[in-house]
Amino acid sequence: MYAHDESRDQWTQLPPPDQVEAASTSLRMLADPTRMRMLWLLSGDEYDVSSLAAAVGIARPAVSQHLAKLRLAGLVSLHRDGRRALYRARGGHVRRLLAEVMNAADHHLHGIPDHD
């Protein structure tokens, strides 16, 4: 069940409760502007905590806390390169979700009409 599917049948039944809960958690994580900026950057490249802190303009401990929340929500992944921990958005579905949210915000800000 995906939002980009054109079938109206998918909208006639509620998704499973655990899926709704996971989706709500993901959206709560995106509700923070700092996490949204971080996830935007992580959608394009891998970052370690220090480089992400410099790019977003906040302290490293704050970046680490935000990354931990994003990881728990399944929005970012971590891999190690030696002693360095590198983070990145977890898959194309995360990038598409972020792009859709930004497109919706752009439409709202600039009065672009919806086309269903």
N, C-alpha and C. Protein backbone atom coordinates (compact mmCIF):
# COMPACT_ATOMS: atom_id res chain seq x y z
N MET A 1 0.85 -1.17 0.00
CA MET A 1 0.00 0.00 0.00
C MET A 1 0.90 1.24 0.00
N TYR A 2 0.89 1.99 -1.08
CA TYR A 2 1.71 3.17 -1.21
C TYR A 2 0.87 4.34 -1.66
N ALA A 3 1.21 5.54 -1.15
CA ALA A 3 0.42 6.74 -1.46
C ALA A 3 0.47 7.11 -2.93
N HIS A 4 1.55 6.72 -3.63
CA HIS A 4 1.66 7.12 -5.03
C HIS A 4 0.85 6.22 -5.96
N ASP A 5 0.30 5.11 -5.43
CA ASP A 5 -0.57 4.26 -6.25
C ASP A 5 -1.84 5.03 -6.58
N GLU A 6 -2.35 4.84 -7.76
CA GLU A 6 -3.54 5.57 -8.20
C GLU A 6 -4.84 4.87 -7.84
N SER A 7 -4.80 3.66 -7.35
CA SER A 7 -6.01 2.92 -7.03
C SER A 7 -6.71 3.52 -5.82
N ARG A 8 -7.99 3.82 -5.99
CA ARG A 8 -8.78 4.37 -4.87
C ARG A 8 -9.17 3.27 -3.89
N ASP A 9 -9.09 2.00 -4.30
CA ASP A 9 -9.46 0.89 -3.43
C ASP A 9 -8.59 0.85 -2.17
N GLN A 10 -7.33 1.25 -2.28
CA GLN A 10 -6.43 1.19 -1.13
C GLN A 10 -6.89 2.12 -0.01
N TRP A 11 -7.67 3.12 -0.32
CA TRP A 11 -8.09 4.11 0.67
C TRP A 11 -9.39 3.71 1.37
N THR A 12 -9.94 2.55 1.06
CA THR A 12 -11.22 2.15 1.65
C THR A 12 -11.05 1.34 2.93
N GLN A 13 -9.83 0.88 3.21
CA GLN A 13 -9.56 0.12 4.43
C GLN A 13 -8.38 0.75 5.15
N LEU A 14 -8.48 0.77 6.48
CA LEU A 14 -7.40 1.32 7.28
C LEU A 14 -6.18 0.40 7.23
N PRO A 15 -4.98 0.99 7.22
CA PRO A 15 -3.78 0.16 7.33
C PRO A 15 -3.69 -0.47 8.73
N PRO A 16 -2.85 -1.47 8.89
CA PRO A 16 -2.69 -2.11 10.20
C PRO A 16 -2.21 -1.10 11.26
N PRO A 17 -2.65 -1.28 12.50
CA PRO A 17 -2.29 -0.33 13.57
C PRO A 17 -0.78 -0.13 13.75
N ASP A 18 0.00 -1.20 13.64
CA ASP A 18 1.45 -1.03 13.82
C ASP A 18 2.06 -0.19 12.70
N GLN A 19 1.51 -0.30 11.51
CA GLN A 19 1.99 0.52 10.39
C GLN A 19 1.63 1.99 10.60
N VAL A 20 0.42 2.25 11.10
CA VAL A 20 0.00 3.62 11.40
C VAL A 20 0.90 4.22 12.48
N GLU A 21 1.21 3.44 13.49
CA GLU A 21 2.07 3.92 14.58
C GLU A 21 3.48 4.24 14.07
N ALA A 22 4.04 3.37 13.25
CA ALA A 22 5.38 3.60 12.69
C ALA A 22 5.38 4.84 11.80
N ALA A 23 4.33 5.02 11.00
CA ALA A 23 4.24 6.19 10.13
C ALA A 23 4.11 7.47 10.96
N SER A 24 3.33 7.42 12.03
CA SER A 24 3.18 8.58 12.90
C SER A 24 4.50 8.95 13.56
N THR A 25 5.25 7.95 13.97
CA THR A 25 6.58 8.21 14.56
C THR A 25 7.49 8.88 13.55
N SER A 26 7.49 8.39 12.32
CA SER A 26 8.33 9.00 11.28
C SER A 26 7.93 10.45 11.05
N LEU A 27 6.65 10.72 10.99
CA LEU A 27 6.20 12.10 10.77
C LEU A 27 6.53 13.00 11.95
N ARG A 28 6.46 12.46 13.17
CA ARG A 28 6.87 13.25 14.35
C ARG A 28 8.35 13.62 14.25
N MET A 29 9.15 12.71 13.75
CA MET A 29 10.58 13.00 13.61
C MET A 29 10.80 14.12 12.59
N LEU A 30 9.99 14.14 11.55
CA LEU A 30 10.11 15.18 10.53
C LEU A 30 9.52 16.52 10.98
N ALA A 31 8.78 16.52 12.08
CA ALA A 31 8.14 17.75 12.56
C ALA A 31 9.14 18.73 13.17
N ASP A 32 10.37 18.33 13.35
CA ASP A 32 11.41 19.19 13.90
C ASP A 32 12.24 19.77 12.75
N PRO A 33 12.32 21.11 12.63
CA PRO A 33 13.06 21.71 11.51
C PRO A 33 14.53 21.29 11.43
N THR A 34 15.18 21.12 12.57
CA THR A 34 16.59 20.70 12.54
C THR A 34 16.72 19.30 11.97
N ARG A 35 15.87 18.40 12.43
CA ARG A 35 15.92 17.03 11.91
C ARG A 35 15.58 17.00 10.42
N MET A 36 14.67 17.86 10.00
CA MET A 36 14.32 17.90 8.59
C MET A 36 15.52 18.36 7.76
N ARG A 37 16.21 19.39 8.23
CA ARG A 37 17.42 19.86 7.51
C ARG A 37 18.48 18.75 7.45
N MET A 38 18.67 18.09 8.58
CA MET A 38 19.66 17.02 8.62
C MET A 38 19.28 15.91 7.65
N LEU A 39 18.03 15.50 7.68
CA LEU A 39 17.58 14.41 6.80
C LEU A 39 17.70 14.81 5.34
N TRP A 40 17.45 16.08 5.05
CA TRP A 40 17.61 16.57 3.67
C TRP A 40 19.05 16.35 3.21
N LEU A 41 20.01 16.77 4.03
CA LEU A 41 21.43 16.59 3.67
C LEU A 41 21.79 15.11 3.58
N LEU A 42 21.28 14.32 4.52
CA LEU A 42 21.58 12.88 4.54
C LEU A 42 20.94 12.15 3.37
N SER A 43 19.98 12.76 2.73
CA SER A 43 19.37 12.16 1.54
C SER A 43 20.29 12.27 0.33
N GLY A 44 21.22 13.20 0.38
CA GLY A 44 22.12 13.40 -0.75
C GLY A 44 23.50 12.81 -0.58
N ASP A 45 23.91 12.57 0.68
CA ASP A 45 25.28 12.11 0.91
C ASP A 45 25.39 11.54 2.32
N GLU A 46 26.51 10.91 2.59
CA GLU A 46 26.82 10.43 3.93
C GLU A 46 27.53 11.54 4.71
N TYR A 47 27.27 11.60 6.00
CA TYR A 47 27.90 12.57 6.87
C TYR A 47 28.29 11.90 8.17
N ASP A 48 29.41 12.37 8.76
CA ASP A 48 29.69 12.02 10.14
C ASP A 48 29.10 13.13 11.01
N VAL A 49 29.12 12.94 12.31
CA VAL A 49 28.48 13.88 13.22
C VAL A 49 29.10 15.27 13.09
N SER A 50 30.43 15.36 13.02
CA SER A 50 31.09 16.66 12.95
C SER A 50 30.75 17.43 11.68
N SER A 51 30.78 16.76 10.54
CA SER A 51 30.49 17.46 9.29
C SER A 51 29.01 17.84 9.20
N LEU A 52 28.14 17.01 9.76
CA LEU A 52 26.72 17.33 9.76
C LEU A 52 26.45 18.51 10.70
N ALA A 53 27.12 18.54 11.84
CA ALA A 53 26.98 19.66 12.78
C ALA A 53 27.41 20.96 12.12
N ALA A 54 28.52 20.92 11.39
CA ALA A 54 28.99 22.13 10.70
C ALA A 54 28.00 22.55 9.61
N ALA A 55 27.47 21.60 8.87
CA ALA A 55 26.56 21.92 7.77
C ALA A 55 25.24 22.51 8.27
N VAL A 56 24.75 22.01 9.39
CA VAL A 56 23.46 22.45 9.92
C VAL A 56 23.62 23.62 10.88
N GLY A 57 24.82 23.77 11.44
CA GLY A 57 25.09 24.89 12.33
C GLY A 57 24.63 24.69 13.76
N ILE A 58 24.71 23.45 14.24
CA ILE A 58 24.39 23.19 15.65
C ILE A 58 25.51 22.35 16.26
N ALA A 59 25.49 22.23 17.58
CA ALA A 59 26.54 21.51 18.30
C ALA A 59 26.48 20.01 18.02
N ARG A 60 27.65 19.37 18.07
CA ARG A 60 27.74 17.93 17.83
C ARG A 60 26.86 17.10 18.76
N PRO A 61 26.80 17.41 20.07
CA PRO A 61 25.91 16.61 20.92
C PRO A 61 24.44 16.68 20.49
N ALA A 62 24.01 17.84 20.03
CA ALA A 62 22.62 17.97 19.55
C ALA A 62 22.42 17.14 18.29
N VAL A 63 23.40 17.15 17.39
CA VAL A 63 23.31 16.34 16.17
C VAL A 63 23.22 14.86 16.54
N SER A 64 24.03 14.44 17.49
CA SER A 64 24.00 13.03 17.91
C SER A 64 22.64 12.64 18.46
N GLN A 65 22.04 13.51 19.24
CA GLN A 65 20.71 13.22 19.79
C GLN A 65 19.66 13.13 18.69
N HIS A 66 19.71 14.07 17.74
CA HIS A 66 18.77 14.03 16.62
C HIS A 66 18.97 12.78 15.78
N LEU A 67 20.22 12.41 15.51
CA LEU A 67 20.49 11.21 14.72
C LEU A 67 19.98 9.95 15.42
N ALA A 68 20.10 9.90 16.73
CA ALA A 68 19.61 8.74 17.47
C ALA A 68 18.10 8.60 17.29
N LYS A 69 17.39 9.71 17.35
CA LYS A 69 15.93 9.67 17.15
C LYS A 69 15.58 9.26 15.73
N LEU A 70 16.31 9.80 14.75
CA LEU A 70 16.05 9.44 13.36
C LEU A 70 16.35 7.97 13.09
N ARG A 71 17.38 7.44 13.74
CA ARG A 71 17.69 6.01 13.60
C ARG A 71 16.60 5.15 14.21
N LEU A 72 16.13 5.52 15.40
CA LEU A 72 15.08 4.75 16.05
C LEU A 72 13.81 4.73 15.21
N ALA A 73 13.55 5.81 14.50
CA ALA A 73 12.36 5.89 13.64
C ALA A 73 12.59 5.19 12.30
N GLY A 74 13.80 4.69 12.06
CA GLY A 74 14.09 3.98 10.81
C GLY A 74 14.30 4.89 9.62
N LEU A 75 14.62 6.17 9.88
CA LEU A 75 14.78 7.12 8.77
C LEU A 75 16.23 7.27 8.32
N VAL A 76 17.18 6.95 9.17
CA VAL A 76 18.59 7.01 8.78
C VAL A 76 19.27 5.70 9.14
N SER A 77 20.34 5.42 8.43
CA SER A 77 21.14 4.24 8.72
C SER A 77 22.56 4.69 9.04
N LEU A 78 23.28 3.81 9.68
CA LEU A 78 24.64 4.08 10.12
C LEU A 78 25.54 2.96 9.62
N HIS A 79 26.71 3.34 9.15
CA HIS A 79 27.74 2.33 8.93
C HIS A 79 29.07 2.92 9.34
N ARG A 80 29.99 2.05 9.64
CA ARG A 80 31.29 2.49 10.13
C ARG A 80 32.34 2.37 9.04
N ASP A 81 33.19 3.38 8.99
CA ASP A 81 34.35 3.39 8.12
C ASP A 81 35.55 3.55 9.04
N GLY A 82 36.08 2.40 9.49
CA GLY A 82 37.10 2.44 10.52
C GLY A 82 36.47 2.90 11.82
N ARG A 83 37.01 3.98 12.39
CA ARG A 83 36.45 4.51 13.64
C ARG A 83 35.36 5.54 13.40
N ARG A 84 35.20 5.93 12.15
CA ARG A 84 34.21 6.96 11.80
C ARG A 84 32.83 6.37 11.58
N ALA A 85 31.83 6.99 12.19
CA ALA A 85 30.44 6.58 11.98
C ALA A 85 29.84 7.49 10.92
N LEU A 86 29.30 6.89 9.87
CA LEU A 86 28.71 7.66 8.77
C LEU A 86 27.21 7.39 8.70
N TYR A 87 26.45 8.47 8.54
CA TYR A 87 24.99 8.39 8.49
C TYR A 87 24.49 8.77 7.12
N ARG A 88 23.34 8.19 6.76
CA ARG A 88 22.70 8.50 5.48
C ARG A 88 21.20 8.19 5.60
N ALA A 89 20.41 8.86 4.79
CA ALA A 89 18.97 8.56 4.75
C ALA A 89 18.79 7.10 4.37
N ARG A 90 17.83 6.46 4.95
CA ARG A 90 17.64 5.02 4.77
C ARG A 90 16.71 4.72 3.60
N GLY A 91 17.24 4.78 2.41
CA GLY A 91 16.51 4.35 1.23
C GLY A 91 15.74 5.45 0.52
N GLY A 92 15.33 5.11 -0.69
CA GLY A 92 14.61 6.04 -1.54
C GLY A 92 13.26 6.45 -0.98
N HIS A 93 12.63 5.58 -0.19
CA HIS A 93 11.32 5.92 0.39
C HIS A 93 11.44 7.12 1.33
N VAL A 94 12.55 7.24 2.03
CA VAL A 94 12.76 8.39 2.93
C VAL A 94 12.94 9.66 2.11
N ARG A 95 13.72 9.58 1.05
CA ARG A 95 13.92 10.74 0.17
C ARG A 95 12.61 11.17 -0.48
N ARG A 96 11.81 10.21 -0.91
CA ARG A 96 10.51 10.54 -1.52
C ARG A 96 9.56 11.18 -0.50
N LEU A 97 9.55 10.67 0.71
CA LEU A 97 8.72 11.24 1.76
C LEU A 97 9.12 12.69 2.02
N LEU A 98 10.40 12.92 2.17
CA LEU A 98 10.89 14.27 2.41
C LEU A 98 10.59 15.19 1.23
N ALA A 99 10.76 14.70 0.02
CA ALA A 99 10.47 15.50 -1.17
C ALA A 99 8.98 15.85 -1.23
N GLU A 100 8.10 14.91 -0.91
CA GLU A 100 6.66 15.18 -0.92
C GLU A 100 6.28 16.23 0.12
N VAL A 101 6.87 16.11 1.31
CA VAL A 101 6.59 17.09 2.37
C VAL A 101 7.05 18.48 1.93
N MET A 102 8.22 18.57 1.33
CA MET A 102 8.74 19.86 0.87
C MET A 102 7.89 20.41 -0.28
N ASN A 103 7.44 19.54 -1.18
CA ASN A 103 6.56 19.98 -2.26
C ASN A 103 5.24 20.50 -1.72
N ALA A 104 4.68 19.81 -0.73
CA ALA A 104 3.43 20.27 -0.12
C ALA A 104 3.63 21.64 0.53
N ALA A 105 4.76 21.83 1.20
CA ALA A 105 5.06 23.12 1.83
C ALA A 105 5.21 24.22 0.77
N ASP A 106 5.86 23.89 -0.33
CA ASP A 106 6.03 24.86 -1.42
C ASP A 106 4.68 25.25 -2.00
N HIS A 107 3.81 24.28 -2.19
CA HIS A 107 2.46 24.56 -2.71
C HIS A 107 1.69 25.45 -1.75
N HIS A 108 1.81 25.16 -0.47
CA HIS A 108 1.12 25.96 0.55
C HIS A 108 1.65 27.38 0.56
N LEU A 109 2.97 27.54 0.53
CA LEU A 109 3.59 28.87 0.62
C LEU A 109 3.32 29.72 -0.62
N HIS A 110 3.26 29.09 -1.78
CA HIS A 110 3.15 29.84 -3.03
C HIS A 110 1.78 29.74 -3.70
N GLY A 111 0.82 29.14 -3.01
CA GLY A 111 -0.53 29.08 -3.51
C GLY A 111 -0.71 28.27 -4.78
N ILE A 112 0.12 27.25 -4.95
CA ILE A 112 0.01 26.40 -6.13
C ILE A 112 -1.19 25.48 -5.94
N PRO A 113 -2.12 25.44 -6.90
CA PRO A 113 -3.30 24.58 -6.73
C PRO A 113 -2.96 23.10 -6.81
N ASP A 114 -3.75 22.30 -6.11
CA ASP A 114 -3.59 20.85 -6.16
C ASP A 114 -4.17 20.31 -7.44
N HIS A 115 -3.59 19.24 -7.94
CA HIS A 115 -4.10 18.55 -9.13
C HIS A 115 -4.29 17.09 -8.79
N ASP A 116 -5.51 16.70 -8.48
CA ASP A 116 -5.79 15.29 -8.16
C ASP A 116 -6.23 14.54 -9.37
